[in-house]
Amino acid sequence: MKIIAEKSRAEYFRKRRESQKTFSVILEREKLERFEAKLEKDNTSKTQWLNRKIDEELGEEK
């Protein structure tokens, strides 16, 4: 965990919001739970998985 001085906290989050954006969707609970179990088995986070899929869609495979 990164420790941030209280004074710089607002600035840190301001800069973070400039470079990052959230992506949120509503899914059926059972489907998402099965997906999360698969990701856990594969030792992959949702963020890693989504970034990989977006790169594939954009033709930026790494």
Protein backbone atom coordinates (compact mmCIF):
# COMPACT_ATOMS: atom_id res chain seq x y z
CA MET A 1 0.00 0.00 0.00
CA LYS A 2 1.24 3.43 -0.92
CA ILE A 3 1.29 5.97 1.94
CA ILE A 4 0.37 9.47 0.82
CA ALA A 5 0.78 12.64 2.87
CA GLU A 6 -2.62 14.19 3.63
CA LYS A 7 -1.66 17.42 1.81
CA SER A 8 -0.74 15.66 -1.41
CA ARG A 9 -3.69 13.23 -1.29
CA ALA A 10 -6.03 15.51 -3.26
CA GLU A 11 -3.35 16.18 -5.88
CA TYR A 12 -2.55 12.47 -6.16
CA PHE A 13 -6.18 11.58 -6.88
CA ARG A 14 -6.59 14.53 -9.26
CA LYS A 15 -3.65 13.28 -11.35
CA ARG A 16 -4.92 9.71 -11.13
CA ARG A 17 -8.33 10.73 -12.51
CA GLU A 18 -6.57 12.49 -15.41
CA SER A 19 -4.79 9.30 -16.49
CA GLN A 20 -7.32 6.61 -15.58
CA LYS A 21 -11.01 5.99 -16.13
CA THR A 22 -13.43 3.44 -14.67
CA PHE A 23 -15.43 0.87 -16.65
CA SER A 24 -18.44 -0.65 -14.96
CA VAL A 25 -21.20 -3.03 -16.08
CA ILE A 26 -24.01 -4.97 -14.44
CA LEU A 27 -23.97 -8.73 -15.04
CA GLU A 28 -25.97 -11.72 -13.85
CA ARG A 29 -24.56 -12.75 -10.47
CA GLU A 30 -24.15 -16.44 -11.37
CA LYS A 31 -22.30 -15.65 -14.60
CA LEU A 32 -19.94 -13.21 -12.88
CA GLU A 33 -19.24 -15.62 -10.02
CA ARG A 34 -18.30 -18.35 -12.54
CA PHE A 35 -16.07 -15.86 -14.35
CA GLU A 36 -14.38 -14.75 -11.11
CA ALA A 37 -13.73 -18.41 -10.21
CA LYS A 38 -12.11 -18.95 -13.61
CA LEU A 39 -9.93 -15.86 -13.19
CA GLU A 40 -8.88 -17.02 -9.72
CA LYS A 41 -7.98 -20.45 -11.11
CA ASP A 42 -5.93 -18.74 -13.86
CA ASN A 43 -4.37 -16.39 -11.27
CA THR A 44 -5.52 -13.36 -13.29
CA SER A 45 -7.16 -10.17 -12.03
CA LYS A 46 -10.21 -8.64 -13.72
CA THR A 47 -8.08 -5.64 -14.67
CA GLN A 48 -5.39 -7.80 -16.28
CA TRP A 49 -8.01 -9.80 -18.17
CA LEU A 50 -9.88 -6.73 -19.40
CA ASN A 51 -6.68 -4.94 -20.48
CA ARG A 52 -5.64 -8.03 -22.46
CA LYS A 53 -9.06 -8.27 -24.18
CA ILE A 54 -9.10 -4.55 -25.01
CA ASP A 55 -5.59 -4.80 -26.47
CA GLU A 56 -6.76 -7.75 -28.60
CA GLU A 57 -9.76 -5.76 -29.85
CA LEU A 58 -7.57 -2.78 -30.67
CA GLY A 59 -5.01 -4.97 -32.42
CA GLU A 60 -2.34 -4.22 -29.84
CA GLU A 61 -1.49 -7.74 -28.70
CA LYS A 62 1.56 -7.90 -26.47
